[in-house]
Amino acid sequence: KITHVNYTSPLVAMHFTDVKKNYLVPIQCSLNGKG
């Protein structure tokens, strides 16, 4: 933060377009990649 003052963290948006209604749905979103 001292030298990378304007750094803006990249984001991934997740658009839940079809999830069961009137119900508690536990969701796990994970990163995938080497390391």
PDB file of all heavy atoms in Angstrom:
ATOM      1  N   LYS A   1       0.806  -1.227   0.000  1.00  0.00           N
ATOM      2  CA  LYS A   1       0.000   0.000   0.000  1.00  0.00           C
ATOM      3  C   LYS A   1       0.837   1.274   0.000  1.00  0.00           C
ATOM      4  O   LYS A   1       0.345   2.335  -0.391  1.00  0.00           O
ATOM      5  CB  LYS A   1      -0.957   0.011   1.187  1.00  0.00           C
ATOM      6  CG  LYS A   1      -0.287   0.037   2.546  1.00  0.00           C
ATOM      7  CD  LYS A   1      -1.335   0.033   3.655  1.00  0.00           C
ATOM      8  CE  LYS A   1      -0.700   0.086   5.038  1.00  0.00           C
ATOM      9  NZ  LYS A   1      -1.730   0.079   6.103  1.00  0.00           N
ATOM     10  N   ILE A   2       2.107   1.203   0.419  1.00  0.00           N
ATOM     11  CA  ILE A   2       2.930   2.413   0.464  1.00  0.00           C
ATOM     12  C   ILE A   2       3.325   2.859  -0.938  1.00  0.00           C
ATOM     13  O   ILE A   2       3.270   4.046  -1.269  1.00  0.00           O
ATOM     14  CB  ILE A   2       4.180   2.194   1.335  1.00  0.00           C
ATOM     15  CG1 ILE A   2       3.770   1.970   2.789  1.00  0.00           C
ATOM     16  CG2 ILE A   2       5.115   3.411   1.247  1.00  0.00           C
ATOM     17  CD1 ILE A   2       4.936   1.707   3.725  1.00  0.00           C
ATOM     18  N   THR A   3       3.720   1.921  -1.787  1.00  0.00           N
ATOM     19  CA  THR A   3       4.172   2.279  -3.139  1.00  0.00           C
ATOM     20  C   THR A   3       3.111   2.023  -4.209  1.00  0.00           C
ATOM     21  O   THR A   3       3.098   2.685  -5.234  1.00  0.00           O
ATOM     22  CB  THR A   3       5.448   1.497  -3.515  1.00  0.00           C
ATOM     23  OG1 THR A   3       5.196   0.092  -3.380  1.00  0.00           O
ATOM     24  CG2 THR A   3       6.600   1.897  -2.613  1.00  0.00           C
ATOM     25  N   HIS A   4       2.215   1.058  -3.975  1.00  0.00           N
ATOM     26  CA  HIS A   4       1.169   0.742  -4.962  1.00  0.00           C
ATOM     27  C   HIS A   4      -0.112   1.469  -4.544  1.00  0.00           C
ATOM     28  O   HIS A   4      -1.155   0.861  -4.300  1.00  0.00           O
ATOM     29  CB  HIS A   4       0.949  -0.767  -5.006  1.00  0.00           C
ATOM     30  CG  HIS A   4       0.846  -1.310  -6.384  1.00  0.00           C
ATOM     31  ND1 HIS A   4       1.093  -2.630  -6.699  1.00  0.00           N
ATOM     32  CD2 HIS A   4       0.527  -0.725  -7.564  1.00  0.00           C
ATOM     33  CE1 HIS A   4       0.925  -2.830  -7.991  1.00  0.00           C
ATOM     34  NE2 HIS A   4       0.574  -1.688  -8.527  1.00  0.00           N
ATOM     35  N   VAL A   5      -0.019   2.795  -4.489  1.00  0.00           N
ATOM     36  CA  VAL A   5      -1.056   3.595  -3.828  1.00  0.00           C
ATOM     37  C   VAL A   5      -2.414   3.541  -4.514  1.00  0.00           C
ATOM     38  O   VAL A   5      -3.446   3.616  -3.858  1.00  0.00           O
ATOM     39  CB  VAL A   5      -0.597   5.059  -3.695  1.00  0.00           C
ATOM     40  CG1 VAL A   5       0.550   5.160  -2.706  1.00  0.00           C
ATOM     41  CG2 VAL A   5      -0.155   5.641  -5.043  1.00  0.00           C
ATOM     42  N   ASN A   6      -2.449   3.425  -5.828  1.00  0.00           N
ATOM     43  CA  ASN A   6      -3.729   3.421  -6.543  1.00  0.00           C
ATOM     44  C   ASN A   6      -4.182   2.020  -6.931  1.00  0.00           C
ATOM     45  O   ASN A   6      -5.109   1.859  -7.733  1.00  0.00           O
ATOM     46  CB  ASN A   6      -3.638   4.289  -7.802  1.00  0.00           C
ATOM     47  CG  ASN A   6      -3.532   5.765  -7.466  1.00  0.00           C
ATOM     48  OD1 ASN A   6      -4.125   6.236  -6.494  1.00  0.00           O
ATOM     49  ND2 ASN A   6      -2.764   6.509  -8.249  1.00  0.00           N
ATOM     50  N   TYR A   7      -3.539   1.028  -6.376  1.00  0.00           N
ATOM     51  CA  TYR A   7      -3.863  -0.354  -6.742  1.00  0.00           C
ATOM     52  C   TYR A   7      -5.325  -0.666  -6.430  1.00  0.00           C
ATOM     53  O   TYR A   7      -5.827  -0.363  -5.344  1.00  0.00           O
ATOM     54  CB  TYR A   7      -2.967  -1.325  -5.981  1.00  0.00           C
ATOM     55  CG  TYR A   7      -3.200  -2.780  -6.331  1.00  0.00           C
ATOM     56  CD1 TYR A   7      -2.630  -3.339  -7.469  1.00  0.00           C
ATOM     57  CD2 TYR A   7      -4.004  -3.583  -5.528  1.00  0.00           C
ATOM     58  CE1 TYR A   7      -2.835  -4.666  -7.786  1.00  0.00           C
ATOM     59  CE2 TYR A   7      -4.216  -4.918  -5.838  1.00  0.00           C
ATOM     60  CZ  TYR A   7      -3.630  -5.456  -6.965  1.00  0.00           C
ATOM     61  OH  TYR A   7      -3.841  -6.770  -7.292  1.00  0.00           O
ATOM     62  N   THR A   8      -5.999  -1.249  -7.403  1.00  0.00           N
ATOM     63  CA  THR A   8      -7.395  -1.641  -7.247  1.00  0.00           C
ATOM     64  C   THR A   8      -7.492  -3.143  -7.442  1.00  0.00           C
ATOM     65  O   THR A   8      -7.172  -3.650  -8.520  1.00  0.00           O
ATOM     66  CB  THR A   8      -8.291  -0.928  -8.276  1.00  0.00           C
ATOM     67  OG1 THR A   8      -8.009   0.478  -8.259  1.00  0.00           O
ATOM     68  CG2 THR A   8      -9.755  -1.130  -7.951  1.00  0.00           C
ATOM     69  N   SER A   9      -7.902  -3.856  -6.421  1.00  0.00           N
ATOM     70  CA  SER A   9      -7.966  -5.314  -6.507  1.00  0.00           C
ATOM     71  C   SER A   9      -8.925  -5.759  -7.604  1.00  0.00           C
ATOM     72  O   SER A   9     -10.047  -5.253  -7.691  1.00  0.00           O
ATOM     73  CB  SER A   9      -8.429  -5.901  -5.175  1.00  0.00           C
ATOM     74  OG  SER A   9      -7.510  -5.643  -4.147  1.00  0.00           O
ATOM     75  N   PRO A  10      -8.509  -6.705  -8.442  1.00  0.00           N
ATOM     76  CA  PRO A  10      -9.426  -7.232  -9.452  1.00  0.00           C
ATOM     77  C   PRO A  10     -10.560  -8.006  -8.793  1.00  0.00           C
ATOM     78  O   PRO A  10     -10.422  -8.498  -7.659  1.00  0.00           O
ATOM     79  CB  PRO A  10      -8.532  -8.166 -10.286  1.00  0.00           C
ATOM     80  CG  PRO A  10      -7.457  -8.584  -9.337  1.00  0.00           C
ATOM     81  CD  PRO A  10      -7.201  -7.387  -8.463  1.00  0.00           C
ATOM     82  N   LEU A  11     -11.666  -8.093  -9.478  1.00  0.00           N
ATOM     83  CA  LEU A  11     -12.851  -8.766  -8.952  1.00  0.00           C
ATOM     84  C   LEU A  11     -13.359  -9.807  -9.943  1.00  0.00           C
ATOM     85  O   LEU A  11     -13.104  -9.718 -11.147  1.00  0.00           O
ATOM     86  CB  LEU A  11     -13.970  -7.750  -8.705  1.00  0.00           C
ATOM     87  CG  LEU A  11     -13.658  -6.527  -7.853  1.00  0.00           C
ATOM     88  CD1 LEU A  11     -14.810  -5.526  -7.935  1.00  0.00           C
ATOM     89  CD2 LEU A  11     -13.381  -6.926  -6.406  1.00  0.00           C
ATOM     90  N   VAL A  12     -14.082 -10.758  -9.423  1.00  0.00           N
ATOM     91  CA  VAL A  12     -14.891 -11.649 -10.253  1.00  0.00           C
ATOM     92  C   VAL A  12     -16.325 -11.529  -9.767  1.00  0.00           C
ATOM     93  O   VAL A  12     -16.588 -11.679  -8.560  1.00  0.00           O
ATOM     94  CB  VAL A  12     -14.409 -13.111 -10.186  1.00  0.00           C
ATOM     95  CG1 VAL A  12     -15.468 -14.054 -10.760  1.00  0.00           C
ATOM     96  CG2 VAL A  12     -13.102 -13.292 -10.954  1.00  0.00           C
ATOM     97  N   ALA A  13     -17.223 -11.219 -10.686  1.00  0.00           N
ATOM     98  CA  ALA A  13     -18.644 -11.112 -10.334  1.00  0.00           C
ATOM     99  C   ALA A  13     -19.332 -12.438 -10.615  1.00  0.00           C
ATOM    100  O   ALA A  13     -19.116 -13.057 -11.663  1.00  0.00           O
ATOM    101  CB  ALA A  13     -19.307  -9.996 -11.129  1.00  0.00           C
ATOM    102  N   MET A  14     -20.166 -12.853  -9.674  1.00  0.00           N
ATOM    103  CA  MET A  14     -20.930 -14.090  -9.816  1.00  0.00           C
ATOM    104  C   MET A  14     -22.409 -13.709  -9.858  1.00  0.00           C
ATOM    105  O   MET A  14     -22.933 -13.132  -8.901  1.00  0.00           O
ATOM    106  CB  MET A  14     -20.625 -15.024  -8.649  1.00  0.00           C
ATOM    107  CG  MET A  14     -19.121 -15.278  -8.482  1.00  0.00           C
ATOM    108  SD  MET A  14     -18.658 -16.106  -6.939  1.00  0.00           S
ATOM    109  CE  MET A  14     -19.157 -14.901  -5.708  1.00  0.00           C
ATOM    110  N   HIS A  15     -23.027 -14.000 -10.967  1.00  0.00           N
ATOM    111  CA  HIS A  15     -24.425 -13.612 -11.185  1.00  0.00           C
ATOM    112  C   HIS A  15     -25.294 -14.860 -11.059  1.00  0.00           C
ATOM    113  O   HIS A  15     -25.302 -15.725 -11.961  1.00  0.00           O
ATOM    114  CB  HIS A  15     -24.578 -12.991 -12.574  1.00  0.00           C
ATOM    115  CG  HIS A  15     -25.882 -12.294 -12.774  1.00  0.00           C
ATOM    116  ND1 HIS A  15     -26.316 -11.844 -13.991  1.00  0.00           N
ATOM    117  CD2 HIS A  15     -26.878 -11.964 -11.890  1.00  0.00           C
ATOM    118  CE1 HIS A  15     -27.488 -11.266 -13.866  1.00  0.00           C
ATOM    119  NE2 HIS A  15     -27.856 -11.334 -12.601  1.00  0.00           N
ATOM    120  N   PHE A  16     -26.000 -14.960  -9.955  1.00  0.00           N
ATOM    121  CA  PHE A  16     -26.806 -16.148  -9.687  1.00  0.00           C
ATOM    122  C   PHE A  16     -28.170 -15.992 -10.365  1.00  0.00           C
ATOM    123  O   PHE A  16     -29.136 -15.528  -9.762  1.00  0.00           O
ATOM    124  CB  PHE A  16     -26.931 -16.348  -8.177  1.00  0.00           C
ATOM    125  CG  PHE A  16     -25.620 -16.672  -7.519  1.00  0.00           C
ATOM    126  CD1 PHE A  16     -24.805 -15.654  -7.027  1.00  0.00           C
ATOM    127  CD2 PHE A  16     -25.172 -17.981  -7.438  1.00  0.00           C
ATOM    128  CE1 PHE A  16     -23.582 -15.943  -6.448  1.00  0.00           C
ATOM    129  CE2 PHE A  16     -23.946 -18.283  -6.863  1.00  0.00           C
ATOM    130  CZ  PHE A  16     -23.146 -17.263  -6.367  1.00  0.00           C
ATOM    131  N   THR A  17     -28.210 -16.392 -11.611  1.00  0.00           N
ATOM    132  CA  THR A  17     -29.382 -16.159 -12.453  1.00  0.00           C
ATOM    133  C   THR A  17     -30.505 -17.170 -12.244  1.00  0.00           C
ATOM    134  O   THR A  17     -31.638 -16.920 -12.643  1.00  0.00           O
ATOM    135  CB  THR A  17     -28.982 -16.163 -13.935  1.00  0.00           C
ATOM    136  OG1 THR A  17     -28.289 -17.384 -14.241  1.00  0.00           O
ATOM    137  CG2 THR A  17     -28.061 -14.983 -14.248  1.00  0.00           C
ATOM    138  N   ASP A  18     -30.189 -18.311 -11.639  1.00  0.00           N
ATOM    139  CA  ASP A  18     -31.236 -19.318 -11.424  1.00  0.00           C
ATOM    140  C   ASP A  18     -30.919 -20.125 -10.174  1.00  0.00           C
ATOM    141  O   ASP A  18     -30.267 -21.165 -10.228  1.00  0.00           O
ATOM    142  CB  ASP A  18     -31.330 -20.252 -12.640  1.00  0.00           C
ATOM    143  CG  ASP A  18     -32.605 -21.097 -12.615  1.00  0.00           C
ATOM    144  OD1 ASP A  18     -33.361 -21.020 -11.626  1.00  0.00           O
ATOM    145  OD2 ASP A  18     -32.845 -21.842 -13.593  1.00  0.00           O
ATOM    146  N   VAL A  19     -31.384 -19.606  -9.040  1.00  0.00           N
ATOM    147  CA  VAL A  19     -31.201 -20.284  -7.763  1.00  0.00           C
ATOM    148  C   VAL A  19     -32.584 -20.588  -7.189  1.00  0.00           C
ATOM    149  O   VAL A  19     -33.542 -19.841  -7.406  1.00  0.00           O
ATOM    150  CB  VAL A  19     -30.367 -19.404  -6.798  1.00  0.00           C
ATOM    151  CG1 VAL A  19     -31.085 -18.095  -6.509  1.00  0.00           C
ATOM    152  CG2 VAL A  19     -30.059 -20.150  -5.512  1.00  0.00           C
ATOM    153  N   LYS A  20     -32.692 -21.698  -6.490  1.00  0.00           N
ATOM    154  CA  LYS A  20     -33.983 -22.121  -5.940  1.00  0.00           C
ATOM    155  C   LYS A  20     -34.551 -21.054  -5.023  1.00  0.00           C
ATOM    156  O   LYS A  20     -33.876 -20.540  -4.139  1.00  0.00           O
ATOM    157  CB  LYS A  20     -33.824 -23.437  -5.182  1.00  0.00           C
ATOM    158  CG  LYS A  20     -35.144 -24.021  -4.701  1.00  0.00           C
ATOM    159  CD  LYS A  20     -34.929 -25.393  -4.071  1.00  0.00           C
ATOM    160  CE  LYS A  20     -36.250 -26.003  -3.614  1.00  0.00           C
ATOM    161  NZ  LYS A  20     -36.044 -27.347  -2.999  1.00  0.00           N
ATOM    162  N   LYS A  21     -35.803 -20.698  -5.254  1.00  0.00           N
ATOM    163  CA  LYS A  21     -36.455 -19.632  -4.483  1.00  0.00           C
ATOM    164  C   LYS A  21     -37.063 -20.168  -3.188  1.00  0.00           C
ATOM    165  O   LYS A  21     -37.405 -21.348  -3.076  1.00  0.00           O
ATOM    166  CB  LYS A  21     -37.547 -18.966  -5.338  1.00  0.00           C
ATOM    167  CG  LYS A  21     -37.037 -18.363  -6.652  1.00  0.00           C
ATOM    168  CD  LYS A  21     -36.083 -17.228  -6.408  1.00  0.00           C
ATOM    169  CE  LYS A  21     -35.781 -16.463  -7.693  1.00  0.00           C
ATOM    170  NZ  LYS A  21     -35.102 -17.300  -8.709  1.00  0.00           N
ATOM    171  N   ASN A  22     -37.231 -19.253  -2.242  1.00  0.00           N
ATOM    172  CA  ASN A  22     -37.844 -19.564  -0.952  1.00  0.00           C
ATOM    173  C   ASN A  22     -37.160 -20.747  -0.258  1.00  0.00           C
ATOM    174  O   ASN A  22     -37.813 -21.633   0.305  1.00  0.00           O
ATOM    175  CB  ASN A  22     -39.344 -19.858  -1.119  1.00  0.00           C
ATOM    176  CG  ASN A  22     -40.090 -18.657  -1.648  1.00  0.00           C
ATOM    177  OD1 ASN A  22     -39.906 -17.541  -1.185  1.00  0.00           O
ATOM    178  ND2 ASN A  22     -40.932 -18.898  -2.643  1.00  0.00           N
ATOM    179  N   TYR A  23     -35.838 -20.717  -0.313  1.00  0.00           N
ATOM    180  CA  TYR A  23     -35.086 -21.839   0.232  1.00  0.00           C
ATOM    181  C   TYR A  23     -33.681 -21.368   0.595  1.00  0.00           C
ATOM    182  O   TYR A  23     -33.102 -20.526  -0.095  1.00  0.00           O
ATOM    183  CB  TYR A  23     -35.018 -22.965  -0.808  1.00  0.00           C
ATOM    184  CG  TYR A  23     -34.533 -24.285  -0.284  1.00  0.00           C
ATOM    185  CD1 TYR A  23     -35.353 -25.099   0.485  1.00  0.00           C
ATOM    186  CD2 TYR A  23     -33.237 -24.725  -0.564  1.00  0.00           C
ATOM    187  CE1 TYR A  23     -34.908 -26.323   0.965  1.00  0.00           C
ATOM    188  CE2 TYR A  23     -32.778 -25.944  -0.094  1.00  0.00           C
ATOM    189  CZ  TYR A  23     -33.625 -26.737   0.671  1.00  0.00           C
ATOM    190  OH  TYR A  23     -33.185 -27.945   1.147  1.00  0.00           O
ATOM    191  N   LEU A  24     -33.128 -21.902   1.683  1.00  0.00           N
ATOM    192  CA  LEU A  24     -31.749 -21.585   2.052  1.00  0.00           C
ATOM    193  C   LEU A  24     -30.793 -22.458   1.245  1.00  0.00           C
ATOM    194  O   LEU A  24     -30.811 -23.684   1.388  1.00  0.00           O
ATOM    195  CB  LEU A  24     -31.537 -21.821   3.557  1.00  0.00           C
ATOM    196  CG  LEU A  24     -32.215 -20.849   4.518  1.00  0.00           C
ATOM    197  CD1 LEU A  24     -32.082 -21.351   5.958  1.00  0.00           C
ATOM    198  CD2 LEU A  24     -31.613 -19.463   4.388  1.00  0.00           C
ATOM    199  N   VAL A  25     -30.000 -21.822   0.398  1.00  0.00           N
ATOM    200  CA  VAL A  25     -29.084 -22.568  -0.463  1.00  0.00           C
ATOM    201  C   VAL A  25     -27.637 -22.258  -0.046  1.00  0.00           C
ATOM    202  O   VAL A  25     -27.141 -21.150  -0.260  1.00  0.00           O
ATOM    203  CB  VAL A  25     -29.277 -22.195  -1.950  1.00  0.00           C
ATOM    204  CG1 VAL A  25     -28.336 -23.015  -2.835  1.00  0.00           C
ATOM    205  CG2 VAL A  25     -30.726 -22.397  -2.370  1.00  0.00           C
ATOM    206  N   PRO A  26     -26.945 -23.229   0.567  1.00  0.00           N
ATOM    207  CA  PRO A  26     -25.541 -23.021   0.934  1.00  0.00           C
ATOM    208  C   PRO A  26     -24.645 -23.158  -0.292  1.00  0.00           C
ATOM    209  O   PRO A  26     -24.715 -24.157  -1.010  1.00  0.00           O
ATOM    210  CB  PRO A  26     -25.280 -24.133   1.957  1.00  0.00           C
ATOM    211  CG  PRO A  26     -26.239 -25.218   1.579  1.00  0.00           C
ATOM    212  CD  PRO A  26     -27.459 -24.539   1.000  1.00  0.00           C
ATOM    213  N   ILE A  27     -23.826 -22.155  -0.530  1.00  0.00           N
ATOM    214  CA  ILE A  27     -23.015 -22.108  -1.744  1.00  0.00           C
ATOM    215  C   ILE A  27     -21.538 -21.982  -1.380  1.00  0.00           C
ATOM    216  O   ILE A  27     -21.171 -21.255  -0.458  1.00  0.00           O
ATOM    217  CB  ILE A  27     -23.445 -20.925  -2.632  1.00  0.00           C
ATOM    218  CG1 ILE A  27     -24.881 -21.157  -3.127  1.00  0.00           C
ATOM    219  CG2 ILE A  27     -22.495 -20.739  -3.817  1.00  0.00           C
ATOM    220  CD1 ILE A  27     -25.472 -19.959  -3.839  1.00  0.00           C
ATOM    221  N   GLN A  28     -20.729 -22.693  -2.117  1.00  0.00           N
ATOM    222  CA  GLN A  28     -19.282 -22.578  -1.964  1.00  0.00           C
ATOM    223  C   GLN A  28     -18.683 -22.123  -3.290  1.00  0.00           C
ATOM    224  O   GLN A  28     -18.883 -22.758  -4.320  1.00  0.00           O
ATOM    225  CB  GLN A  28     -18.658 -23.915  -1.563  1.00  0.00           C
ATOM    226  CG  GLN A  28     -17.129 -23.885  -1.519  1.00  0.00           C
ATOM    227  CD  GLN A  28     -16.532 -25.188  -1.025  1.00  0.00           C
ATOM    228  OE1 GLN A  28     -16.759 -25.569   0.124  1.00  0.00           O
ATOM    229  NE2 GLN A  28     -15.793 -25.874  -1.880  1.00  0.00           N
ATOM    230  N   CYS A  29     -17.953 -21.000  -3.256  1.00  0.00           N
ATOM    231  CA  CYS A  29     -17.255 -20.505  -4.435  1.00  0.00           C
ATOM    232  C   CYS A  29     -15.757 -20.614  -4.172  1.00  0.00           C
ATOM    233  O   CYS A  29     -15.269 -20.167  -3.122  1.00  0.00           O
ATOM    234  CB  CYS A  29     -17.647 -19.061  -4.742  1.00  0.00           C
ATOM    235  SG  CYS A  29     -19.389 -18.899  -5.259  1.00  0.00           S
ATOM    236  N   SER A  30     -15.039 -21.205  -5.122  1.00  0.00           N
ATOM    237  CA  SER A  30     -13.638 -21.536  -4.905  1.00  0.00           C
ATOM    238  C   SER A  30     -12.736 -20.971  -5.989  1.00  0.00           C
ATOM    239  O   SER A  30     -13.145 -20.802  -7.138  1.00  0.00           O
ATOM    240  CB  SER A  30     -13.457 -23.066  -4.881  1.00  0.00           C
ATOM    241  OG  SER A  30     -14.297 -23.672  -3.925  1.00  0.00           O
ATOM    242  N   LEU A  31     -11.504 -20.677  -5.587  1.00  0.00           N
ATOM    243  CA  LEU A  31     -10.451 -20.342  -6.539  1.00  0.00           C
ATOM    244  C   LEU A  31      -9.850 -21.644  -7.058  1.00  0.00           C
ATOM    245  O   LEU A  31      -9.726 -22.626  -6.318  1.00  0.00           O
ATOM    246  CB  LEU A  31      -9.346 -19.529  -5.857  1.00  0.00           C
ATOM    247  CG  LEU A  31      -9.729 -18.218  -5.180  1.00  0.00           C
ATOM    248  CD1 LEU A  31      -8.477 -17.592  -4.546  1.00  0.00           C
ATOM    249  CD2 LEU A  31     -10.355 -17.255  -6.167  1.00  0.00           C
ATOM    250  N   ASN A  32      -9.463 -21.632  -8.326  1.00  0.00           N
ATOM    251  CA  ASN A  32      -8.840 -22.806  -8.917  1.00  0.00           C
ATOM    252  C   ASN A  32      -7.625 -22.381  -9.720  1.00  0.00           C
ATOM    253  O   ASN A  32      -7.712 -21.487 -10.562  1.00  0.00           O
ATOM    254  CB  ASN A  32      -9.830 -23.536  -9.842  1.00  0.00           C
ATOM    255  CG  ASN A  32     -11.052 -24.023  -9.095  1.00  0.00           C
ATOM    256  OD1 ASN A  32     -10.992 -24.982  -8.349  1.00  0.00           O
ATOM    257  ND2 ASN A  32     -12.168 -23.333  -9.278  1.00  0.00           N
ATOM    258  N   GLY A  33      -6.504 -23.007  -9.456  1.00  0.00           N
ATOM    259  CA  GLY A  33      -5.281 -22.685 -10.175  1.00  0.00           C
ATOM    260  C   GLY A  33      -4.083 -23.292  -9.481  1.00  0.00           C
ATOM    261  O   GLY A  33      -4.169 -23.770  -8.337  1.00  0.00           O
ATOM    262  N   LYS A  34      -2.964 -23.291 -10.145  1.00  0.00           N
ATOM    263  CA  LYS A  34      -1.740 -23.863  -9.589  1.00  0.00           C
ATOM    264  C   LYS A  34      -1.328 -23.096  -8.338  1.00  0.00           C
ATOM    265  O   LYS A  34      -1.293 -21.875  -8.322  1.00  0.00           O
ATOM    266  CB  LYS A  34      -0.619 -23.806 -10.627  1.00  0.00           C
ATOM    267  CG  LYS A  34       0.626 -24.572 -10.215  1.00  0.00           C
ATOM    268  CD  LYS A  34       1.637 -24.647 -11.336  1.00  0.00           C
ATOM    269  CE  LYS A  34       2.852 -25.467 -10.914  1.00  0.00           C
ATOM    270  NZ  LYS A  34       3.865 -25.570 -11.996  1.00  0.00           N
ATOM    271  N   GLY A  35      -1.042 -23.841  -7.275  1.00  0.00           N
ATOM    272  CA  GLY A  35      -0.629 -23.222  -6.025  1.00  0.00           C
ATOM    273  C   GLY A  35      -1.766 -22.791  -5.132  1.00  0.00           C
ATOM    274  O   GLY A  35      -1.534 -22.346  -4.005  1.00  0.00           O
TER     275      GLY A  35
END
